[in-house]
Amino acid sequence: MKNKYRSNLEQKIAGLLKKKKLYFKYEEDKFGYILERNYITDFTVYVDKCRTFFIEVKGRLTQTDRAKYLAVKKCNPEIDLRFVFGYNNYLYKGSKTRYSDWCDKNGFKWCVLAIPEEWL
């Protein structure tokens, strides 16, 4: 029979709980949490007194980066965060999704190398 616990220590603790005749569940309860961090933008662009947007310049857009930018957007929905990529690469080797596809899906404006005139 395959061990249902992830480690020998967890199995040992389960055995102790059973021996004490305590009711318990294993890996059934889930709790969300938020890690508080600060994000510093690469560039803050002041188009005029009423319009400001932020630019993040990325050569690579890793999974960690993507999670961070989604969290930044979720916690700060009022900011206009845009991306300037060196290349419109695929998210990872073998992926069919490019950086631009990820941006479009998640509501971020993006460009490759040159800032579009319509942004200004």
C-alpha atoms as a PDB file:
ATOM      1  CA  MET A   1       0.000   0.000   0.000  1.00  0.00           C
ATOM      2  CA  LYS A   2       1.323   3.457  -0.948  1.00  0.00           C
ATOM      3  CA  ASN A   3       2.003   5.829   1.925  1.00  0.00           C
ATOM      4  CA  LYS A   4      -0.575   8.638   1.915  1.00  0.00           C
ATOM      5  CA  TYR A   5       1.698  10.996   3.840  1.00  0.00           C
ATOM      6  CA  ARG A   6       4.375  13.125   2.204  1.00  0.00           C
ATOM      7  CA  SER A   7       7.090  12.292   4.679  1.00  0.00           C
ATOM      8  CA  ASN A   8       8.034   9.771   7.307  1.00  0.00           C
ATOM      9  CA  LEU A   9       7.660  12.473   9.950  1.00  0.00           C
ATOM     10  CA  GLU A  10       4.065  13.184   8.893  1.00  0.00           C
ATOM     11  CA  GLN A  11       3.354   9.448   9.003  1.00  0.00           C
ATOM     12  CA  LYS A  12       4.849   9.263  12.497  1.00  0.00           C
ATOM     13  CA  ILE A  13       2.716  12.205  13.724  1.00  0.00           C
ATOM     14  CA  ALA A  14      -0.406  10.582  12.232  1.00  0.00           C
ATOM     15  CA  GLY A  15       0.446   7.409  14.137  1.00  0.00           C
ATOM     16  CA  LEU A  16       0.789   9.376  17.380  1.00  0.00           C
ATOM     17  CA  LEU A  17      -2.565  11.081  16.810  1.00  0.00           C
ATOM     18  CA  LYS A  18      -4.221   7.727  16.132  1.00  0.00           C
ATOM     19  CA  LYS A  19      -2.614   6.223  19.226  1.00  0.00           C
ATOM     20  CA  LYS A  20      -4.092   9.080  21.304  1.00  0.00           C
ATOM     21  CA  LYS A  21      -7.465   8.333  19.629  1.00  0.00           C
ATOM     22  CA  LEU A  22      -7.734  11.905  18.314  1.00  0.00           C
ATOM     23  CA  TYR A  23      -9.866  12.720  15.302  1.00  0.00           C
ATOM     24  CA  PHE A  24      -7.856  14.360  12.518  1.00  0.00           C
ATOM     25  CA  LYS A  25      -7.878  15.014   8.807  1.00  0.00           C
ATOM     26  CA  TYR A  26      -4.825  15.060   6.583  1.00  0.00           C
ATOM     27  CA  GLU A  27      -4.393  17.770   3.919  1.00  0.00           C
ATOM     28  CA  GLU A  28      -8.089  18.544   3.577  1.00  0.00           C
ATOM     29  CA  ASP A  29      -8.326  22.122   4.837  1.00  0.00           C
ATOM     30  CA  LYS A  30      -7.041  24.953   2.668  1.00  0.00           C
ATOM     31  CA  PHE A  31      -6.394  28.585   3.642  1.00  0.00           C
ATOM     32  CA  GLY A  32      -5.502  31.433   1.324  1.00  0.00           C
ATOM     33  CA  TYR A  33      -2.822  33.925   2.246  1.00  0.00           C
ATOM     34  CA  ILE A  34      -1.225  37.056   0.884  1.00  0.00           C
ATOM     35  CA  LEU A  35       2.428  38.007   1.123  1.00  0.00           C
ATOM     36  CA  GLU A  36       2.835  41.764   1.285  1.00  0.00           C
ATOM     37  CA  ARG A  37       5.517  43.093  -1.022  1.00  0.00           C
ATOM     38  CA  ASN A  38       6.354  46.372  -2.719  1.00  0.00           C
ATOM     39  CA  TYR A  39       6.633  46.723  -6.460  1.00  0.00           C
ATOM     40  CA  ILE A  40       8.827  49.440  -7.944  1.00  0.00           C
ATOM     41  CA  THR A  41       8.057  50.353 -11.543  1.00  0.00           C
ATOM     42  CA  ASP A  42      10.811  50.742 -14.102  1.00  0.00           C
ATOM     43  CA  PHE A  43       9.375  53.964 -15.529  1.00  0.00           C
ATOM     44  CA  THR A  44       6.565  56.345 -14.558  1.00  0.00           C
ATOM     45  CA  VAL A  45       5.389  58.259 -17.636  1.00  0.00           C
ATOM     46  CA  TYR A  46       3.536  61.552 -17.190  1.00  0.00           C
ATOM     47  CA  VAL A  47       1.662  62.190 -20.419  1.00  0.00           C
ATOM     48  CA  ASP A  48      -0.060  65.248 -18.973  1.00  0.00           C
ATOM     49  CA  LYS A  49      -1.409  66.320 -15.570  1.00  0.00           C
ATOM     50  CA  CYS A  50      -4.291  63.855 -15.852  1.00  0.00           C
ATOM     51  CA  ARG A  51      -2.655  60.831 -17.477  1.00  0.00           C
ATOM     52  CA  THR A  52       0.086  58.718 -15.978  1.00  0.00           C
ATOM     53  CA  PHE A  53       1.120  55.192 -16.841  1.00  0.00           C
ATOM     54  CA  PHE A  54       3.854  52.832 -15.739  1.00  0.00           C
ATOM     55  CA  ILE A  55       6.246  50.844 -17.896  1.00  0.00           C
ATOM     56  CA  GLU A  56       7.861  47.563 -17.004  1.00  0.00           C
ATOM     57  CA  VAL A  57      10.700  46.623 -19.361  1.00  0.00           C
ATOM     58  CA  LYS A  58      11.146  42.868 -19.668  1.00  0.00           C
ATOM     59  CA  GLY A  59      13.615  40.742 -21.528  1.00  0.00           C
ATOM     60  CA  ARG A  60      12.111  37.604 -19.948  1.00  0.00           C
ATOM     61  CA  LEU A  61       8.652  37.147 -18.451  1.00  0.00           C
ATOM     62  CA  THR A  62       8.967  34.254 -16.012  1.00  0.00           C
ATOM     63  CA  GLN A  63       6.197  32.475 -14.174  1.00  0.00           C
ATOM     64  CA  THR A  64       7.235  34.294 -10.990  1.00  0.00           C
ATOM     65  CA  ASP A  65       7.067  37.623 -12.834  1.00  0.00           C
ATOM     66  CA  ARG A  66       3.610  36.859 -14.208  1.00  0.00           C
ATOM     67  CA  ALA A  67       2.273  35.993 -10.758  1.00  0.00           C
ATOM     68  CA  LYS A  68       3.772  39.205  -9.363  1.00  0.00           C
ATOM     69  CA  TYR A  69       2.198  41.442 -12.033  1.00  0.00           C
ATOM     70  CA  LEU A  70      -1.207  39.829 -11.597  1.00  0.00           C
ATOM     71  CA  ALA A  71      -0.946  40.419  -7.838  1.00  0.00           C
ATOM     72  CA  VAL A  72       0.119  44.047  -8.418  1.00  0.00           C
ATOM     73  CA  LYS A  73      -2.878  44.547 -10.703  1.00  0.00           C
ATOM     74  CA  LYS A  74      -5.273  42.888  -8.278  1.00  0.00           C
ATOM     75  CA  CYS A  75      -4.089  45.046  -5.362  1.00  0.00           C
ATOM     76  CA  ASN A  76      -3.828  48.241  -7.449  1.00  0.00           C
ATOM     77  CA  PRO A  77      -6.562  48.088 -10.104  1.00  0.00           C
ATOM     78  CA  GLU A  78      -6.372  51.843 -10.668  1.00  0.00           C
ATOM     79  CA  ILE A  79      -2.828  51.846 -12.088  1.00  0.00           C
ATOM     80  CA  ASP A  80      -2.063  51.553 -15.781  1.00  0.00           C
ATOM     81  CA  LEU A  81       0.845  49.112 -16.009  1.00  0.00           C
ATOM     82  CA  ARG A  82       2.256  48.472 -19.480  1.00  0.00           C
ATOM     83  CA  PHE A  83       5.021  46.232 -20.773  1.00  0.00           C
ATOM     84  CA  VAL A  84       7.836  46.832 -23.218  1.00  0.00           C
ATOM     85  CA  PHE A  85       9.419  43.553 -24.289  1.00  0.00           C
ATOM     86  CA  GLY A  86      12.718  43.001 -26.043  1.00  0.00           C
ATOM     87  CA  TYR A  87      11.082  40.198 -28.047  1.00  0.00           C
ATOM     88  CA  ASN A  88       7.602  38.698 -28.167  1.00  0.00           C
ATOM     89  CA  ASN A  89       8.870  35.333 -26.940  1.00  0.00           C
ATOM     90  CA  TYR A  90       6.893  32.280 -25.896  1.00  0.00           C
ATOM     91  CA  LEU A  91       6.220  32.005 -22.160  1.00  0.00           C
ATOM     92  CA  TYR A  92       8.373  28.879 -21.923  1.00  0.00           C
ATOM     93  CA  LYS A  93       9.844  26.234 -24.191  1.00  0.00           C
ATOM     94  CA  GLY A  94       7.054  24.342 -25.940  1.00  0.00           C
ATOM     95  CA  SER A  95       4.388  26.915 -25.053  1.00  0.00           C
ATOM     96  CA  LYS A  96       1.963  28.177 -27.675  1.00  0.00           C
ATOM     97  CA  THR A  97       1.399  31.364 -25.683  1.00  0.00           C
ATOM     98  CA  ARG A  98       3.521  34.427 -26.333  1.00  0.00           C
ATOM     99  CA  TYR A  99       4.152  37.322 -23.940  1.00  0.00           C
ATOM    100  CA  SER A 100       1.655  39.390 -25.940  1.00  0.00           C
ATOM    101  CA  ASP A 101      -1.024  36.702 -25.543  1.00  0.00           C
ATOM    102  CA  TRP A 102      -0.535  36.721 -21.766  1.00  0.00           C
ATOM    103  CA  CYS A 103      -0.792  40.524 -21.690  1.00  0.00           C
ATOM    104  CA  ASP A 104      -3.930  40.539 -23.841  1.00  0.00           C
ATOM    105  CA  LYS A 105      -5.559  37.860 -21.702  1.00  0.00           C
ATOM    106  CA  ASN A 106      -4.809  39.778 -18.497  1.00  0.00           C
ATOM    107  CA  GLY A 107      -5.612  43.301 -19.709  1.00  0.00           C
ATOM    108  CA  PHE A 108      -2.092  44.740 -19.951  1.00  0.00           C
ATOM    109  CA  LYS A 109      -0.984  46.962 -22.834  1.00  0.00           C
ATOM    110  CA  TRP A 110       2.276  45.861 -24.416  1.00  0.00           C
ATOM    111  CA  CYS A 111       4.731  46.561 -27.196  1.00  0.00           C
ATOM    112  CA  VAL A 112       8.047  45.280 -28.494  1.00  0.00           C
ATOM    113  CA  LEU A 113      11.056  47.643 -28.331  1.00  0.00           C
ATOM    114  CA  ALA A 114       9.444  50.924 -29.463  1.00  0.00           C
ATOM    115  CA  ILE A 115       6.784  52.743 -27.466  1.00  0.00           C
ATOM    116  CA  PRO A 116       3.689  53.208 -29.641  1.00  0.00           C
ATOM    117  CA  GLU A 117       2.755  56.775 -30.482  1.00  0.00           C
ATOM    118  CA  GLU A 118      -0.817  56.169 -29.256  1.00  0.00           C
ATOM    119  CA  TRP A 119       0.533  55.633 -25.735  1.00  0.00           C
ATOM    120  CA  LEU A 120       1.739  59.225 -25.734  1.00  0.00           C
END
